[in-house]
């Protein structure tokens, strides 16, 4: 908490931004026994698209794009993707 002369300001939690440098650490620190709360390492299968993968995990295509730092929706079989437990940013 930050205390000013005439007021108190409570800190606000900021979102965690995942990138290639901190992903391994984040995955190791977030192994969860509760289903639906852990990150998933997913291997793209032949014929799949980001839309079908997003639908399979009930998240948005945008979430997959952001979590994997993809600039387009083009994916190939065998590609590894990180699947977040929910749509949006982790916070």
N, C-alpha and C. Protein backbone atom coordinates (compact mmCIF):
# COMPACT_ATOMS: atom_id res chain seq x y z
N UNK A 1 0.85 -1.17 0.00
CA UNK A 1 0.00 0.00 0.00
C UNK A 1 0.89 1.24 0.00
N UNK A 2 0.49 2.23 -0.73
CA UNK A 2 1.23 3.49 -0.81
C UNK A 2 0.43 4.55 -0.07
N UNK A 3 1.09 5.24 0.82
CA UNK A 3 0.40 6.28 1.60
C UNK A 3 0.95 7.64 1.19
N UNK A 4 0.07 8.50 0.72
CA UNK A 4 0.44 9.85 0.34
C UNK A 4 0.12 10.81 1.47
N UNK A 5 0.31 12.10 1.23
CA UNK A 5 0.03 13.09 2.27
C UNK A 5 -1.40 13.04 2.75
N UNK A 6 -2.34 13.02 1.81
CA UNK A 6 -3.74 13.08 2.19
C UNK A 6 -4.55 11.88 1.70
N UNK A 7 -3.89 10.88 1.20
CA UNK A 7 -4.66 9.76 0.69
C UNK A 7 -3.87 8.45 0.73
N UNK A 8 -4.61 7.39 0.62
CA UNK A 8 -4.00 6.06 0.54
C UNK A 8 -4.33 5.47 -0.81
N UNK A 9 -3.36 4.88 -1.44
CA UNK A 9 -3.57 4.25 -2.74
C UNK A 9 -3.20 2.79 -2.62
N UNK A 10 -4.14 1.93 -2.94
CA UNK A 10 -3.86 0.49 -2.91
C UNK A 10 -3.25 0.06 -4.23
N UNK A 11 -2.25 -0.81 -4.17
CA UNK A 11 -1.65 -1.29 -5.41
C UNK A 11 -2.64 -2.15 -6.18
N UNK A 12 -2.53 -2.14 -7.47
CA UNK A 12 -3.37 -2.94 -8.34
C UNK A 12 -2.50 -4.01 -8.97
N UNK A 13 -2.95 -5.25 -8.92
CA UNK A 13 -2.18 -6.34 -9.54
C UNK A 13 -2.13 -6.13 -11.04
N UNK A 14 -0.96 -6.30 -11.60
CA UNK A 14 -0.83 -6.16 -13.04
C UNK A 14 -0.79 -7.53 -13.68
N UNK A 15 -1.17 -7.65 -14.96
CA UNK A 15 -1.17 -8.96 -15.63
C UNK A 15 0.25 -9.47 -15.83
N UNK A 16 0.37 -10.77 -15.94
CA UNK A 16 1.65 -11.39 -16.25
C UNK A 16 1.73 -11.55 -17.76
N UNK A 17 2.77 -11.02 -18.34
CA UNK A 17 2.97 -11.16 -19.78
C UNK A 17 3.95 -12.29 -20.01
N UNK A 18 3.53 -13.26 -20.79
CA UNK A 18 4.35 -14.43 -21.05
C UNK A 18 5.09 -14.23 -22.37
N UNK A 19 6.39 -14.49 -22.35
CA UNK A 19 7.17 -14.47 -23.58
C UNK A 19 8.09 -15.67 -23.57
N UNK A 20 8.85 -15.84 -24.64
CA UNK A 20 9.71 -17.01 -24.75
C UNK A 20 10.76 -17.07 -23.64
N UNK A 21 11.20 -15.93 -23.11
CA UNK A 21 12.23 -15.91 -22.08
C UNK A 21 11.70 -16.39 -20.72
N UNK A 22 10.45 -16.08 -20.38
CA UNK A 22 9.97 -16.45 -19.06
C UNK A 22 8.97 -17.61 -19.07
N UNK A 23 8.67 -18.15 -20.22
CA UNK A 23 7.66 -19.20 -20.32
C UNK A 23 8.06 -20.45 -19.53
N UNK A 24 9.31 -20.91 -19.67
CA UNK A 24 9.75 -22.10 -18.96
C UNK A 24 9.62 -21.95 -17.46
N UNK A 25 10.02 -20.82 -16.96
CA UNK A 25 9.91 -20.56 -15.53
C UNK A 25 8.45 -20.52 -15.11
N UNK A 26 7.63 -19.87 -15.91
CA UNK A 26 6.21 -19.77 -15.60
C UNK A 26 5.56 -21.15 -15.57
N UNK A 27 5.90 -22.00 -16.56
CA UNK A 27 5.33 -23.34 -16.60
C UNK A 27 5.75 -24.15 -15.37
N UNK A 28 7.01 -24.06 -14.99
CA UNK A 28 7.51 -24.81 -13.84
C UNK A 28 6.85 -24.35 -12.55
N UNK A 29 6.59 -23.05 -12.44
CA UNK A 29 5.99 -22.50 -11.23
C UNK A 29 4.48 -22.70 -11.16
N UNK A 30 3.87 -23.07 -12.27
CA UNK A 30 2.41 -23.16 -12.31
C UNK A 30 1.89 -24.56 -12.55
N UNK A 31 2.63 -25.57 -12.16
CA UNK A 31 2.11 -26.93 -12.27
C UNK A 31 1.00 -27.05 -11.26
N UNK A 32 -0.18 -27.33 -11.73
CA UNK A 32 -1.34 -27.35 -10.84
C UNK A 32 -2.02 -28.70 -10.89
N UNK A 33 -2.49 -29.14 -9.75
CA UNK A 33 -3.22 -30.40 -9.70
C UNK A 33 -4.69 -30.20 -10.03
N UNK A 34 -5.14 -28.95 -10.04
CA UNK A 34 -6.53 -28.66 -10.35
C UNK A 34 -6.70 -28.61 -11.86
N UNK A 35 -7.59 -29.45 -12.39
CA UNK A 35 -7.84 -29.45 -13.81
C UNK A 35 -8.42 -28.10 -14.22
N UNK A 36 -7.97 -27.58 -15.36
CA UNK A 36 -8.49 -26.34 -15.86
C UNK A 36 -7.73 -25.11 -15.41
N UNK A 37 -6.68 -25.28 -14.61
CA UNK A 37 -5.94 -24.11 -14.15
C UNK A 37 -4.49 -24.13 -14.60
N UNK A 38 -4.04 -25.21 -15.23
CA UNK A 38 -2.65 -25.31 -15.65
C UNK A 38 -2.49 -24.98 -17.13
N UNK A 39 -1.32 -24.50 -17.48
CA UNK A 39 -1.00 -24.29 -18.88
C UNK A 39 -0.80 -25.65 -19.54
N UNK A 40 -1.14 -25.72 -20.81
CA UNK A 40 -1.02 -26.97 -21.56
C UNK A 40 -0.05 -26.75 -22.71
N UNK A 41 0.89 -27.67 -22.89
CA UNK A 41 1.73 -27.69 -24.08
C UNK A 41 1.03 -28.61 -25.07
N UNK A 42 0.60 -28.05 -26.19
CA UNK A 42 -0.19 -28.79 -27.16
C UNK A 42 0.55 -28.89 -28.49
N UNK A 43 0.56 -30.08 -29.08
CA UNK A 43 1.17 -30.29 -30.39
C UNK A 43 0.08 -30.29 -31.45
N UNK A 44 0.23 -29.42 -32.43
CA UNK A 44 -0.75 -29.28 -33.51
C UNK A 44 -0.78 -30.58 -34.33
N UNK A 45 -1.98 -31.06 -34.59
CA UNK A 45 -2.18 -32.26 -35.39
C UNK A 45 -2.50 -31.88 -36.84
N UNK A 46 -2.25 -32.79 -37.76
CA UNK A 46 -2.52 -32.56 -39.17
C UNK A 46 -3.99 -32.19 -39.37
N UNK A 47 -4.22 -31.13 -40.12
CA UNK A 47 -5.58 -30.69 -40.44
C UNK A 47 -6.19 -29.73 -39.43
N UNK A 48 -5.52 -29.47 -38.34
CA UNK A 48 -6.08 -28.56 -37.33
C UNK A 48 -5.79 -27.10 -37.70
N UNK A 49 -6.66 -26.24 -37.22
CA UNK A 49 -6.48 -24.79 -37.36
C UNK A 49 -6.54 -24.18 -35.96
N UNK A 50 -6.16 -22.91 -35.87
CA UNK A 50 -6.27 -22.25 -34.57
C UNK A 50 -7.73 -22.24 -34.10
N UNK A 51 -8.65 -22.12 -35.03
CA UNK A 51 -10.07 -22.11 -34.66
C UNK A 51 -10.50 -23.42 -34.03
N UNK A 52 -10.08 -24.54 -34.63
CA UNK A 52 -10.49 -25.83 -34.07
C UNK A 52 -9.82 -26.09 -32.72
N UNK A 53 -8.57 -25.65 -32.59
CA UNK A 53 -7.87 -25.82 -31.31
C UNK A 53 -8.50 -24.94 -30.24
N UNK A 54 -8.81 -23.69 -30.59
CA UNK A 54 -9.46 -22.78 -29.65
C UNK A 54 -10.80 -23.35 -29.19
N UNK A 55 -11.55 -23.89 -30.13
CA UNK A 55 -12.84 -24.48 -29.79
C UNK A 55 -12.66 -25.70 -28.87
N UNK A 56 -11.65 -26.50 -29.15
CA UNK A 56 -11.37 -27.71 -28.35
C UNK A 56 -11.10 -27.35 -26.88
N UNK A 57 -10.41 -26.22 -26.66
CA UNK A 57 -10.05 -25.82 -25.31
C UNK A 57 -10.93 -24.71 -24.75
N UNK A 58 -11.95 -24.33 -25.51
CA UNK A 58 -12.91 -23.31 -25.07
C UNK A 58 -12.23 -21.98 -24.74
N UNK A 59 -11.32 -21.57 -25.62
CA UNK A 59 -10.66 -20.27 -25.50
C UNK A 59 -10.73 -19.58 -26.85
N UNK A 60 -10.30 -18.33 -26.92
CA UNK A 60 -10.36 -17.59 -28.17
C UNK A 60 -9.08 -17.80 -28.99
N UNK A 61 -9.22 -17.63 -30.28
CA UNK A 61 -8.07 -17.68 -31.18
C UNK A 61 -7.07 -16.61 -30.79
N UNK A 62 -7.55 -15.44 -30.40
CA UNK A 62 -6.68 -14.34 -29.99
C UNK A 62 -5.82 -14.71 -28.79
N UNK A 63 -6.38 -15.48 -27.87
CA UNK A 63 -5.62 -15.92 -26.70
C UNK A 63 -4.46 -16.81 -27.13
N UNK A 64 -4.70 -17.72 -28.06
CA UNK A 64 -3.63 -18.59 -28.55
C UNK A 64 -2.57 -17.76 -29.28
N UNK A 65 -3.01 -16.81 -30.09
CA UNK A 65 -2.07 -15.95 -30.81
C UNK A 65 -1.18 -15.19 -29.83
N UNK A 66 -1.77 -14.58 -28.81
CA UNK A 66 -1.01 -13.80 -27.83
C UNK A 66 -0.08 -14.67 -26.99
N UNK A 67 -0.58 -15.80 -26.51
CA UNK A 67 0.22 -16.66 -25.63
C UNK A 67 1.43 -17.24 -26.35
N UNK A 68 1.33 -17.39 -27.67
CA UNK A 68 2.41 -18.00 -28.43
C UNK A 68 3.17 -16.99 -29.29
N UNK A 69 2.87 -15.71 -29.09
CA UNK A 69 3.52 -14.63 -29.85
C UNK A 69 3.48 -14.88 -31.35
N UNK A 70 2.30 -15.29 -31.85
CA UNK A 70 2.13 -15.55 -33.27
C UNK A 70 1.61 -14.29 -33.95
N UNK A 71 2.17 -14.00 -35.12
CA UNK A 71 1.73 -12.82 -35.85
C UNK A 71 0.67 -13.16 -36.90
N UNK A 72 0.47 -14.45 -37.16
CA UNK A 72 -0.59 -14.87 -38.07
C UNK A 72 -1.20 -16.15 -37.55
N UNK A 73 -2.31 -16.56 -38.14
CA UNK A 73 -2.98 -17.76 -37.68
C UNK A 73 -2.49 -19.02 -38.41
N UNK A 74 -1.44 -18.89 -39.18
CA UNK A 74 -0.89 -20.04 -39.90
C UNK A 74 -0.10 -20.93 -38.93
N UNK A 75 -0.50 -22.20 -38.85
CA UNK A 75 0.19 -23.17 -38.02
C UNK A 75 0.42 -24.43 -38.85
N UNK A 76 1.37 -25.27 -38.40
CA UNK A 76 1.67 -26.51 -39.11
C UNK A 76 1.64 -27.69 -38.14
N UNK A 77 1.37 -28.86 -38.67
CA UNK A 77 1.37 -30.08 -37.84
C UNK A 77 2.73 -30.24 -37.19
N UNK A 78 2.71 -30.60 -35.92
CA UNK A 78 3.94 -30.78 -35.16
C UNK A 78 4.37 -29.55 -34.38
N UNK A 79 3.76 -28.40 -34.71
CA UNK A 79 4.10 -27.16 -34.01
C UNK A 79 3.61 -27.24 -32.56
N UNK A 80 4.43 -26.75 -31.64
CA UNK A 80 4.07 -26.74 -30.22
C UNK A 80 3.39 -25.41 -29.89
N UNK A 81 2.26 -25.47 -29.20
CA UNK A 81 1.54 -24.28 -28.76
C UNK A 81 1.32 -24.35 -27.25
N UNK A 82 1.33 -23.19 -26.63
CA UNK A 82 0.95 -23.09 -25.22
C UNK A 82 -0.52 -22.71 -25.18
N UNK A 83 -1.29 -23.48 -24.43
CA UNK A 83 -2.73 -23.22 -24.30
C UNK A 83 -2.97 -22.72 -22.88
N UNK A 84 -3.50 -21.51 -22.77
CA UNK A 84 -3.82 -20.93 -21.47
C UNK A 84 -5.11 -21.55 -20.95
N UNK A 85 -5.31 -21.57 -19.64
CA UNK A 85 -6.50 -22.19 -19.07
C UNK A 85 -7.79 -21.40 -19.29
N UNK A 86 -7.66 -20.16 -19.75
CA UNK A 86 -8.84 -19.32 -19.97
C UNK A 86 -8.53 -18.30 -21.05
N UNK A 87 -9.54 -17.72 -21.65
CA UNK A 87 -9.33 -16.69 -22.65
C UNK A 87 -8.81 -15.43 -21.99
N UNK A 88 -7.97 -14.69 -22.70
CA UNK A 88 -7.44 -13.44 -22.21
C UNK A 88 -6.05 -13.60 -21.63
N UNK A 89 -5.63 -12.60 -20.86
CA UNK A 89 -4.30 -12.60 -20.23
C UNK A 89 -4.39 -13.26 -18.87
N UNK A 90 -3.29 -13.86 -18.44
CA UNK A 90 -3.21 -14.40 -17.09
C UNK A 90 -2.90 -13.25 -16.15
N UNK A 91 -3.61 -13.15 -15.06
CA UNK A 91 -3.32 -12.10 -14.08
C UNK A 91 -3.45 -12.64 -12.68
